[in-house]
Amino acid sequence: MPERRSTSEQSRALIAVGHAGSVLLLEAATGRPVWERALADLPAGQPCDGQPVTVRIVGETVIAASLGHVFAFAIVDGELLWHLNRRGRGDGETSLATERD
């Protein structure tokens, strides 16, 4: 059975912002920060320090990509769910797409 959420939780729109090696999750209505993660503080994320970060929200997950690294964070608290290093394929900008793009 799916988890039930209150009306206020369901209507809380979130915005993921990627900038200078960090991911910031904000409440859309207020701009209040929910959490922030510096990619360089994560295992193998050091090359991403200060670099552009591309972000997408997919369901309950925030996906972030920078310099061939892809990270997945839990939307509720920013916990790192997984990390993929494709840096050996190049050092250019890493883009993301979802089925809704």
PDB file of N, CA and C in Angstrom:
ATOM      1  N   MET A   1       0.847  -1.179   0.000  1.00  0.00           N
ATOM      2  CA  MET A   1       0.000   0.000   0.000  1.00  0.00           C
ATOM      3  C   MET A   1       0.892   1.242   0.000  1.00  0.00           C
ATOM      4  N   PRO A   2       0.627   2.236  -0.871  1.00  0.00           N
ATOM      5  CA  PRO A   2       1.455   3.439  -0.928  1.00  0.00           C
ATOM      6  C   PRO A   2       1.380   4.242   0.365  1.00  0.00           C
ATOM      7  N   GLU A   3       2.490   4.935   0.651  1.00  0.00           N
ATOM      8  CA  GLU A   3       2.540   5.797   1.823  1.00  0.00           C
ATOM      9  C   GLU A   3       1.575   6.956   1.653  1.00  0.00           C
ATOM     10  N   ARG A   4       0.810   7.266   2.679  1.00  0.00           N
ATOM     11  CA  ARG A   4      -0.136   8.380   2.622  1.00  0.00           C
ATOM     12  C   ARG A   4       0.552   9.641   3.082  1.00  0.00           C
ATOM     13  N   ARG A   5       0.290  10.721   2.403  1.00  0.00           N
ATOM     14  CA  ARG A   5       0.868  12.018   2.761  1.00  0.00           C
ATOM     15  C   ARG A   5      -0.244  13.027   2.969  1.00  0.00           C
ATOM     16  N   SER A   6       0.043  13.994   3.823  1.00  0.00           N
ATOM     17  CA  SER A   6      -0.932  15.048   4.064  1.00  0.00           C
ATOM     18  C   SER A   6      -1.006  15.947   2.839  1.00  0.00           C
ATOM     19  N   THR A   7      -2.060  16.724   2.741  1.00  0.00           N
ATOM     20  CA  THR A   7      -2.233  17.651   1.623  1.00  0.00           C
ATOM     21  C   THR A   7      -1.077  18.632   1.538  1.00  0.00           C
ATOM     22  N   SER A   8      -0.584  19.104   2.686  1.00  0.00           N
ATOM     23  CA  SER A   8       0.519  20.062   2.663  1.00  0.00           C
ATOM     24  C   SER A   8       1.796  19.418   2.127  1.00  0.00           C
ATOM     25  N   GLU A   9       2.050  18.160   2.450  1.00  0.00           N
ATOM     26  CA  GLU A   9       3.223  17.468   1.918  1.00  0.00           C
ATOM     27  C   GLU A   9       3.095  17.237   0.414  1.00  0.00           C
ATOM     28  N   GLN A  10       1.905  16.884  -0.040  1.00  0.00           N
ATOM     29  CA  GLN A  10       1.685  16.622  -1.455  1.00  0.00           C
ATOM     30  C   GLN A  10       1.852  17.881  -2.291  1.00  0.00           C
ATOM     31  N   SER A  11       1.477  19.036  -1.726  1.00  0.00           N
ATOM     32  CA  SER A  11       1.507  20.266  -2.502  1.00  0.00           C
ATOM     33  C   SER A  11       2.851  20.999  -2.408  1.00  0.00           C
ATOM     34  N   ARG A  12       3.776  20.522  -1.599  1.00  0.00           N
ATOM     35  CA  ARG A  12       5.069  21.182  -1.438  1.00  0.00           C
ATOM     36  C   ARG A  12       5.917  20.926  -2.674  1.00  0.00           C
ATOM     37  N   ALA A  13       6.034  21.920  -3.518  1.00  0.00           N
ATOM     38  CA  ALA A  13       6.862  21.811  -4.718  1.00  0.00           C
ATOM     39  C   ALA A  13       8.305  22.084  -4.351  1.00  0.00           C
ATOM     40  N   LEU A  14       9.214  21.323  -4.948  1.00  0.00           N
ATOM     41  CA  LEU A  14      10.631  21.451  -4.661  1.00  0.00           C
ATOM     42  C   LEU A  14      11.408  21.782  -5.931  1.00  0.00           C
ATOM     43  N   ILE A  15      12.501  22.496  -5.752  1.00  0.00           N
ATOM     44  CA  ILE A  15      13.377  22.870  -6.859  1.00  0.00           C
ATOM     45  C   ILE A  15      14.782  22.397  -6.505  1.00  0.00           C
ATOM     46  N   ALA A  16      15.412  21.663  -7.425  1.00  0.00           N
ATOM     47  CA  ALA A  16      16.801  21.251  -7.234  1.00  0.00           C
ATOM     48  C   ALA A  16      17.687  22.210  -8.026  1.00  0.00           C
ATOM     49  N   VAL A  17      18.725  22.720  -7.374  1.00  0.00           N
ATOM     50  CA  VAL A  17      19.639  23.675  -7.982  1.00  0.00           C
ATOM     51  C   VAL A  17      21.046  23.082  -7.947  1.00  0.00           C
ATOM     52  N   GLY A  18      21.712  23.072  -9.091  1.00  0.00           N
ATOM     53  CA  GLY A  18      23.095  22.633  -9.133  1.00  0.00           C
ATOM     54  C   GLY A  18      23.976  23.824  -9.439  1.00  0.00           C
ATOM     55  N   HIS A  19      25.020  24.026  -8.619  1.00  0.00           N
ATOM     56  CA  HIS A  19      25.889  25.175  -8.828  1.00  0.00           C
ATOM     57  C   HIS A  19      27.212  24.951  -8.110  1.00  0.00           C
ATOM     58  N   ALA A  20      28.306  25.204  -8.801  1.00  0.00           N
ATOM     59  CA  ALA A  20      29.647  25.211  -8.209  1.00  0.00           C
ATOM     60  C   ALA A  20      29.929  23.984  -7.348  1.00  0.00           C
ATOM     61  N   GLY A  21      29.610  22.799  -7.884  1.00  0.00           N
ATOM     62  CA  GLY A  21      29.926  21.563  -7.182  1.00  0.00           C
ATOM     63  C   GLY A  21      28.984  21.179  -6.070  1.00  0.00           C
ATOM     64  N   SER A  22      27.844  21.838  -5.974  1.00  0.00           N
ATOM     65  CA  SER A  22      26.873  21.545  -4.919  1.00  0.00           C
ATOM     66  C   SER A  22      25.483  21.335  -5.489  1.00  0.00           C
ATOM     67  N   VAL A  23      24.670  20.635  -4.708  1.00  0.00           N
ATOM     68  CA  VAL A  23      23.255  20.441  -5.019  1.00  0.00           C
ATOM     69  C   VAL A  23      22.472  21.027  -3.852  1.00  0.00           C
ATOM     70  N   LEU A  24      21.511  21.872  -4.176  1.00  0.00           N
ATOM     71  CA  LEU A  24      20.692  22.541  -3.171  1.00  0.00           C
ATOM     72  C   LEU A  24      19.237  22.253  -3.486  1.00  0.00           C
ATOM     73  N   LEU A  25      18.489  21.765  -2.502  1.00  0.00           N
ATOM     74  CA  LEU A  25      17.063  21.528  -2.669  1.00  0.00           C
ATOM     75  C   LEU A  25      16.303  22.623  -1.941  1.00  0.00           C
ATOM     76  N   LEU A  26      15.387  23.288  -2.648  1.00  0.00           N
ATOM     77  CA  LEU A  26      14.629  24.421  -2.101  1.00  0.00           C
ATOM     78  C   LEU A  26      13.133  24.153  -2.167  1.00  0.00           C
ATOM     79  N   GLU A  27      12.384  24.738  -1.235  1.00  0.00           N
ATOM     80  CA  GLU A  27      10.932  24.780  -1.352  1.00  0.00           C
ATOM     81  C   GLU A  27      10.596  25.863  -2.366  1.00  0.00           C
ATOM     82  N   ALA A  28       9.801  25.545  -3.367  1.00  0.00           N
ATOM     83  CA  ALA A  28       9.484  26.502  -4.427  1.00  0.00           C
ATOM     84  C   ALA A  28       8.703  27.702  -3.914  1.00  0.00           C
ATOM     85  N   ALA A  29       7.801  27.503  -2.996  1.00  0.00           N
ATOM     86  CA  ALA A  29       6.941  28.590  -2.523  1.00  0.00           C
ATOM     87  C   ALA A  29       7.676  29.620  -1.685  1.00  0.00           C
ATOM     88  N   THR A  30       8.705  29.193  -0.957  1.00  0.00           N
ATOM     89  CA  THR A  30       9.362  30.096  -0.009  1.00  0.00           C
ATOM     90  C   THR A  30      10.842  30.338  -0.306  1.00  0.00           C
ATOM     91  N   GLY A  31      11.462  29.444  -1.087  1.00  0.00           N
ATOM     92  CA  GLY A  31      12.900  29.520  -1.312  1.00  0.00           C
ATOM     93  C   GLY A  31      13.699  28.981  -0.139  1.00  0.00           C
ATOM     94  N   ARG A  32      13.014  28.422   0.847  1.00  0.00           N
ATOM     95  CA  ARG A  32      13.683  27.878   2.036  1.00  0.00           C
ATOM     96  C   ARG A  32      14.502  26.653   1.651  1.00  0.00           C
ATOM     97  N   PRO A  33      15.788  26.625   2.025  1.00  0.00           N
ATOM     98  CA  PRO A  33      16.611  25.440   1.761  1.00  0.00           C
ATOM     99  C   PRO A  33      16.107  24.230   2.560  1.00  0.00           C
ATOM    100  N   VAL A  34      16.011  23.100   1.895  1.00  0.00           N
ATOM    101  CA  VAL A  34      15.640  21.848   2.544  1.00  0.00           C
ATOM    102  C   VAL A  34      16.916  21.103   2.934  1.00  0.00           C
ATOM    103  N   TRP A  35      17.861  21.014   2.007  1.00  0.00           N
ATOM    104  CA  TRP A  35      19.186  20.458   2.276  1.00  0.00           C
ATOM    105  C   TRP A  35      20.146  20.888   1.180  1.00  0.00           C
ATOM    106  N   GLU A  36      21.457  20.742   1.467  1.00  0.00           N
ATOM    107  CA  GLU A  36      22.496  21.044   0.488  1.00  0.00           C
ATOM    108  C   GLU A  36      23.604  20.013   0.634  1.00  0.00           C
ATOM    109  N   ARG A  37      24.150  19.572  -0.501  1.00  0.00           N
ATOM    110  CA  ARG A  37      25.248  18.604  -0.501  1.00  0.00           C
ATOM    111  C   ARG A  37      26.367  19.104  -1.405  1.00  0.00           C
ATOM    112  N   ALA A  38      27.576  19.153  -0.882  1.00  0.00           N
ATOM    113  CA  ALA A  38      28.767  19.456  -1.678  1.00  0.00           C
ATOM    114  C   ALA A  38      29.271  18.125  -2.233  1.00  0.00           C
ATOM    115  N   LEU A  39      29.320  17.997  -3.554  1.00  0.00           N
ATOM    116  CA  LEU A  39      29.715  16.735  -4.170  1.00  0.00           C
ATOM    117  C   LEU A  39      31.131  16.339  -3.784  1.00  0.00           C
ATOM    118  N   ALA A  40      32.020  17.295  -3.598  1.00  0.00           N
ATOM    119  CA  ALA A  40      33.410  17.001  -3.240  1.00  0.00           C
ATOM    120  C   ALA A  40      33.535  16.353  -1.859  1.00  0.00           C
ATOM    121  N   ASP A  41      32.515  16.481  -1.020  1.00  0.00           N
ATOM    122  CA  ASP A  41      32.532  15.859   0.304  1.00  0.00           C
ATOM    123  C   ASP A  41      32.177  14.382   0.254  1.00  0.00           C
ATOM    124  N   LEU A  42      31.742  13.903  -0.923  1.00  0.00           N
ATOM    125  CA  LEU A  42      31.322  12.515  -1.075  1.00  0.00           C
ATOM    126  C   LEU A  42      32.464  11.672  -1.632  1.00  0.00           C
ATOM    127  N   PRO A  43      32.448  10.361  -1.381  1.00  0.00           N
ATOM    128  CA  PRO A  43      33.494   9.502  -1.938  1.00  0.00           C
ATOM    129  C   PRO A  43      33.617   9.688  -3.448  1.00  0.00           C
ATOM    130  N   ALA A  44      34.818   9.908  -3.921  1.00  0.00           N
ATOM    131  CA  ALA A  44      35.145  10.066  -5.351  1.00  0.00           C
ATOM    132  C   ALA A  44      34.555  11.329  -5.980  1.00  0.00           C
ATOM    133  N   GLY A  45      33.967  12.218  -5.212  1.00  0.00           N
ATOM    134  CA  GLY A  45      33.364  13.419  -5.766  1.00  0.00           C
ATOM    135  C   GLY A  45      34.291  14.614  -5.841  1.00  0.00           C
ATOM    136  N   GLN A  46      35.529  14.492  -5.393  1.00  0.00           N
ATOM    137  CA  GLN A  46      36.472  15.613  -5.362  1.00  0.00           C
ATOM    138  C   GLN A  46      36.605  16.335  -6.705  1.00  0.00           C
ATOM    139  N   PRO A  47      36.650  15.629  -7.871  1.00  0.00           N
ATOM    140  CA  PRO A  47      36.792  16.354  -9.141  1.00  0.00           C
ATOM    141  C   PRO A  47      35.648  17.333  -9.427  1.00  0.00           C
ATOM    142  N   CYS A  48      34.511  17.163  -8.756  1.00  0.00           N
ATOM    143  CA  CYS A  48      33.332  17.995  -9.006  1.00  0.00           C
ATOM    144  C   CYS A  48      33.377  19.319  -8.239  1.00  0.00           C
ATOM    145  N   ASP A  49      34.361  19.500  -7.375  1.00  0.00           N
ATOM    146  CA  ASP A  49      34.445  20.699  -6.546  1.00  0.00           C
ATOM    147  C   ASP A  49      34.460  21.959  -7.409  1.00  0.00           C
ATOM    148  N   GLY A  50      33.478  22.819  -7.220  1.00  0.00           N
ATOM    149  CA  GLY A  50      33.396  24.086  -7.940  1.00  0.00           C
ATOM    150  C   GLY A  50      32.929  23.994  -9.380  1.00  0.00           C
ATOM    151  N   GLN A  51      32.587  22.805  -9.846  1.00  0.00           N
ATOM    152  CA  GLN A  51      32.203  22.599 -11.247  1.00  0.00           C
ATOM    153  C   GLN A  51      30.686  22.731 -11.446  1.00  0.00           C
ATOM    154  N   PRO A  52      30.250  22.964 -12.703  1.00  0.00           N
ATOM    155  CA  PRO A  52      28.811  22.996 -12.985  1.00  0.00           C
ATOM    156  C   PRO A  52      28.163  21.644 -12.655  1.00  0.00           C
ATOM    157  N   VAL A  53      26.936  21.703 -12.156  1.00  0.00           N
ATOM    158  CA  VAL A  53      26.190  20.497 -11.791  1.00  0.00           C
ATOM    159  C   VAL A  53      24.826  20.550 -12.471  1.00  0.00           C
ATOM    160  N   THR A  54      24.479  19.482 -13.185  1.00  0.00           N
ATOM    161  CA  THR A  54      23.162  19.338 -13.801  1.00  0.00           C
ATOM    162  C   THR A  54      22.299  18.525 -12.847  1.00  0.00           C
ATOM    163  N   VAL A  55      21.041  18.931 -12.633  1.00  0.00           N
ATOM    164  CA  VAL A  55      20.166  18.229 -11.689  1.00  0.00           C
ATOM    165  C   VAL A  55      18.805  17.933 -12.301  1.00  0.00           C
ATOM    166  N   ARG A  56      18.176  16.879 -11.807  1.00  0.00           N
ATOM    167  CA  ARG A  56      16.806  16.507 -12.159  1.00  0.00           C
ATOM    168  C   ARG A  56      16.170  15.880 -10.928  1.00  0.00           C
ATOM    169  N   ILE A  57      14.874  16.084 -10.781  1.00  0.00           N
ATOM    170  CA  ILE A  57      14.109  15.382  -9.748  1.00  0.00           C
ATOM    171  C   ILE A  57      13.324  14.286 -10.461  1.00  0.00           C
ATOM    172  N   VAL A  58      13.509  13.053  -9.999  1.00  0.00           N
ATOM    173  CA  VAL A  58      12.817  11.895 -10.557  1.00  0.00           C
ATOM    174  C   VAL A  58      12.124  11.190  -9.396  1.00  0.00           C
ATOM    175  N   GLY A  59      10.824  11.384  -9.290  1.00  0.00           N
ATOM    176  CA  GLY A  59      10.089  10.785  -8.172  1.00  0.00           C
ATOM    177  C   GLY A  59      10.605  11.309  -6.848  1.00  0.00           C
ATOM    178  N   GLU A  60      11.101  10.428  -6.019  1.00  0.00           N
ATOM    179  CA  GLU A  60      11.607  10.778  -4.694  1.00  0.00           C
ATOM    180  C   GLU A  60      13.131  10.866  -4.670  1.00  0.00           C
ATOM    181  N   THR A  61      13.738  11.057  -5.845  1.00  0.00           N
ATOM    182  CA  THR A  61      15.191  11.076  -5.964  1.00  0.00           C
ATOM    183  C   THR A  61      15.657  12.323  -6.702  1.00  0.00           C
ATOM    184  N   VAL A  62      16.736  12.920  -6.222  1.00  0.00           N
ATOM    185  CA  VAL A  62      17.390  14.019  -6.930  1.00  0.00           C
ATOM    186  C   VAL A  62      18.639  13.429  -7.583  1.00  0.00           C
ATOM    187  N   ILE A  63      18.726  13.546  -8.911  1.00  0.00           N
ATOM    188  CA  ILE A  63      19.873  13.065  -9.663  1.00  0.00           C
ATOM    189  C   ILE A  63      20.741  14.279  -9.995  1.00  0.00           C
ATOM    190  N   ALA A  64      22.038  14.168  -9.759  1.00  0.00           N
ATOM    191  CA  ALA A  64      22.979  15.254 -10.038  1.00  0.00           C
ATOM    192  C   ALA A  64      24.145  14.691 -10.848  1.00  0.00           C
ATOM    193  N   ALA A  65      24.609  15.466 -11.837  1.00  0.00           N
ATOM    194  CA  ALA A  65      25.725  15.024 -12.673  1.00  0.00           C
ATOM    195  C   ALA A  65      26.729  16.149 -12.847  1.00  0.00           C
ATOM    196  N   SER A  66      28.016  15.785 -12.792  1.00  0.00           N
ATOM    197  CA  SER A  66      29.091  16.751 -12.971  1.00  0.00           C
ATOM    198  C   SER A  66      30.356  16.014 -13.403  1.00  0.00           C
ATOM    199  N   LEU A  67      30.969  16.462 -14.482  1.00  0.00           N
ATOM    200  CA  LEU A  67      32.254  15.935 -14.945  1.00  0.00           C
ATOM    201  C   LEU A  67      32.316  14.410 -15.017  1.00  0.00           C
ATOM    202  N   GLY A  68      31.253  13.781 -15.511  1.00  0.00           N
ATOM    203  CA  GLY A  68      31.240  12.334 -15.666  1.00  0.00           C
ATOM    204  C   GLY A  68      30.787  11.569 -14.443  1.00  0.00           C
ATOM    205  N   HIS A  69      30.521  12.255 -13.343  1.00  0.00           N
ATOM    206  CA  HIS A  69      30.002  11.618 -12.136  1.00  0.00           C
ATOM    207  C   HIS A  69      28.493  11.810 -12.089  1.00  0.00           C
ATOM    208  N   VAL A  70      27.760  10.768 -11.666  1.00  0.00           N
ATOM    209  CA  VAL A  70      26.315  10.863 -11.482  1.00  0.00           C
ATOM    210  C   VAL A  70      26.011  10.407 -10.056  1.00  0.00           C
ATOM    211  N   PHE A  71      25.243  11.218  -9.340  1.00  0.00           N
ATOM    212  CA  PHE A  71      24.886  10.954  -7.949  1.00  0.00           C
ATOM    213  C   PHE A  71      23.370  10.901  -7.827  1.00  0.00           C
ATOM    214  N   ALA A  72      22.865  10.045  -6.939  1.00  0.00           N
ATOM    215  CA  ALA A  72      21.439  10.003  -6.625  1.00  0.00           C
ATOM    216  C   ALA A  72      21.271  10.259  -5.128  1.00  0.00           C
ATOM    217  N   PHE A  73      20.388  11.214  -4.805  1.00  0.00           N
ATOM    218  CA  PHE A  73      20.127  11.590  -3.418  1.00  0.00           C
ATOM    219  C   PHE A  73      18.653  11.383  -3.083  1.00  0.00           C
ATOM    220  N   ALA A  74      18.371  10.960  -1.859  1.00  0.00           N
ATOM    221  CA  ALA A  74      16.990  10.869  -1.384  1.00  0.00           C
ATOM    222  C   ALA A  74      16.444  12.285  -1.249  1.00  0.00           C
ATOM    223  N   ILE A  75      15.281  12.524  -1.832  1.00  0.00           N
ATOM    224  CA  ILE A  75      14.721  13.878  -1.829  1.00  0.00           C
ATOM    225  C   ILE A  75      14.386  14.351  -0.413  1.00  0.00           C
ATOM    226  N   VAL A  76      14.036  13.445   0.463  1.00  0.00           N
ATOM    227  CA  VAL A  76      13.593  13.826   1.801  1.00  0.00           C
ATOM    228  C   VAL A  76      14.716  14.388   2.669  1.00  0.00           C
ATOM    229  N   ASP A  77      15.944  13.840   2.551  1.00  0.00           N
ATOM    230  CA  ASP A  77      17.002  14.284   3.454  1.00  0.00           C
ATOM    231  C   ASP A  77      18.375  14.435   2.800  1.00  0.00           C
ATOM    232  N   GLY A  78      18.471  14.200   1.496  1.00  0.00           N
ATOM    233  CA  GLY A  78      19.742  14.366   0.806  1.00  0.00           C
ATOM    234  C   GLY A  78      20.722  13.226   0.990  1.00  0.00           C
ATOM    235  N   GLU A  79      20.272  12.115   1.553  1.00  0.00           N
ATOM    236  CA  GLU A  79      21.154  10.958   1.730  1.00  0.00           C
ATOM    237  C   GLU A  79      21.625  10.450   0.367  1.00  0.00           C
ATOM    238  N   LEU A  80      22.921  10.137   0.256  1.00  0.00           N
ATOM    239  CA  LEU A  80      23.461   9.583  -0.982  1.00  0.00           C
ATOM    240  C   LEU A  80      22.937   8.163  -1.146  1.00  0.00           C
ATOM    241  N   LEU A  81      22.256   7.909  -2.278  1.00  0.00           N
ATOM    242  CA  LEU A  81      21.719   6.583  -2.564  1.00  0.00           C
ATOM    243  C   LEU A  81      22.688   5.766  -3.408  1.00  0.00           C
ATOM    244  N   TRP A  82      23.302   6.428  -4.388  1.00  0.00           N
ATOM    245  CA  TRP A  82      24.309   5.766  -5.221  1.00  0.00           C
ATOM    246  C   TRP A  82      25.134   6.790  -5.968  1.00  0.00           C
ATOM    247  N   HIS A  83      26.256   6.326  -6.520  1.00  0.00           N
ATOM    248  CA  HIS A  83      27.180   7.167  -7.275  1.00  0.00           C
ATOM    249  C   HIS A  83      27.747   6.335  -8.415  1.00  0.00           C
ATOM    250  N   LEU A  84      27.858   6.931  -9.595  1.00  0.00           N
ATOM    251  CA  LEU A  84      28.434   6.283 -10.768  1.00  0.00           C
ATOM    252  C   LEU A  84      29.527   7.182 -11.325  1.00  0.00           C
ATOM    253  N   ASN A  85      30.712   6.631 -11.545  1.00  0.00           N
ATOM    254  CA  ASN A  85      31.827   7.398 -12.074  1.00  0.00           C
ATOM    255  C   ASN A  85      32.079   7.000 -13.521  1.00  0.00           C
ATOM    256  N   ARG A  86      31.781   7.896 -14.463  1.00  0.00           N
ATOM    257  CA  ARG A  86      32.046   7.685 -15.891  1.00  0.00           C
ATOM    258  C   ARG A  86      33.097   8.670 -16.376  1.00  0.00           C
ATOM    259  N   ARG A  87      33.876   9.215 -15.470  1.00  0.00           N
ATOM    260  CA  ARG A  87      34.863  10.239 -15.792  1.00  0.00           C
ATOM    261  C   ARG A  87      35.865   9.773 -16.834  1.00  0.00           C
ATOM    262  N   GLY A  88      36.212   8.502 -16.864  1.00  0.00           N
ATOM    263  CA  GLY A  88      37.156   7.978 -17.841  1.00  0.00           C
ATOM    264  C   GLY A  88      36.693   8.152 -19.270  1.00  0.00           C
ATOM    265  N   ARG A  89      35.426   8.448 -19.464  1.00  0.00           N
ATOM    266  CA  ARG A  89      34.857   8.664 -20.789  1.00  0.00           C
ATOM    267  C   ARG A  89      35.025  10.097 -21.270  1.00  0.00           C
ATOM    268  N   GLY A  90      35.590  10.969 -20.441  1.00  0.00           N
ATOM    269  CA  GLY A  90      35.777  12.369 -20.819  1.00  0.00           C
ATOM    270  C   GLY A  90      35.540  13.283 -19.639  1.00  0.00           C
ATOM    271  N   ASP A  91      35.958  14.512 -19.780  1.00  0.00           N
ATOM    272  CA  ASP A  91      35.838  15.476 -18.686  1.00  0.00           C
ATOM    273  C   ASP A  91      34.878  16.610 -18.987  1.00  0.00           C
ATOM    274  N   GLY A  92      34.106  16.506 -20.046  1.00  0.00           N
ATOM    275  CA  GLY A  92      33.202  17.589 -20.424  1.00  0.00           C
ATOM    276  C   GLY A  92      31.952  17.632 -19.572  1.00  0.00           C
ATOM    277  N   GLU A  93      31.043  18.494 -19.965  1.00  0.00           N
ATOM    278  CA  GLU A  93      29.776  18.656 -19.260  1.00  0.00           C
ATOM    279  C   GLU A  93      28.989  17.352 -19.293  1.00  0.00           C
ATOM    280  N   THR A  94      28.355  17.020 -18.193  1.00  0.00           N
ATOM    281  CA  THR A  94      27.531  15.818 -18.099  1.00  0.00           C
ATOM    282  C   THR A  94      26.075  16.257 -18.066  1.00  0.00           C
ATOM    283  N   SER A  95      25.283  15.799 -19.017  1.00  0.00           N
ATOM    284  CA  SER A  95      23.874  16.187 -19.072  1.00  0.00           C
ATOM    285  C   SER A  95      23.007  15.025 -18.616  1.00  0.00           C
ATOM    286  N   LEU A  96      21.754  15.331 -18.278  1.00  0.00           N
ATOM    287  CA  LEU A  96      20.781  14.341 -17.844  1.00  0.00           C
ATOM    288  C   LEU A  96      19.495  14.517 -18.634  1.00  0.00           C
ATOM    289  N   ALA A  97      18.783  13.431 -18.824  1.00  0.00           N
ATOM    290  CA  ALA A  97      17.455  13.490 -19.428  1.00  0.00           C
ATOM    291  C   ALA A  97      16.564  12.518 -18.672  1.00  0.00           C
ATOM    292  N   THR A  98      15.276  12.851 -18.588  1.00  0.00           N
ATOM    293  CA  THR A  98      14.302  11.944 -18.018  1.00  0.00           C
ATOM    294  C   THR A  98      13.201  11.766 -19.048  1.00  0.00           C
ATOM    295  N   GLU A  99      12.349  10.812 -18.813  1.00  0.00           N
ATOM    296  CA  GLU A  99      11.296  10.553 -19.802  1.00  0.00           C
ATOM    297  C   GLU A  99      10.328  11.728 -19.946  1.00  0.00           C
ATOM    298  N   ARG A 100      10.319  12.678 -19.011  1.00  0.00           N
ATOM    299  CA  ARG A 100       9.437  13.842 -19.107  1.00  0.00           C
ATOM    300  C   ARG A 100      10.081  15.013 -19.827  1.00  0.00           C
ATOM    301  N   ASP A 101      11.406  14.976 -20.037  1.00  0.00           N
ATOM    302  CA  ASP A 101      12.098  16.097 -20.700  1.00  0.00           C
ATOM    303  C   ASP A 101      11.629  16.274 -22.128  1.00  0.00           C
TER     304      ASP A 101
END
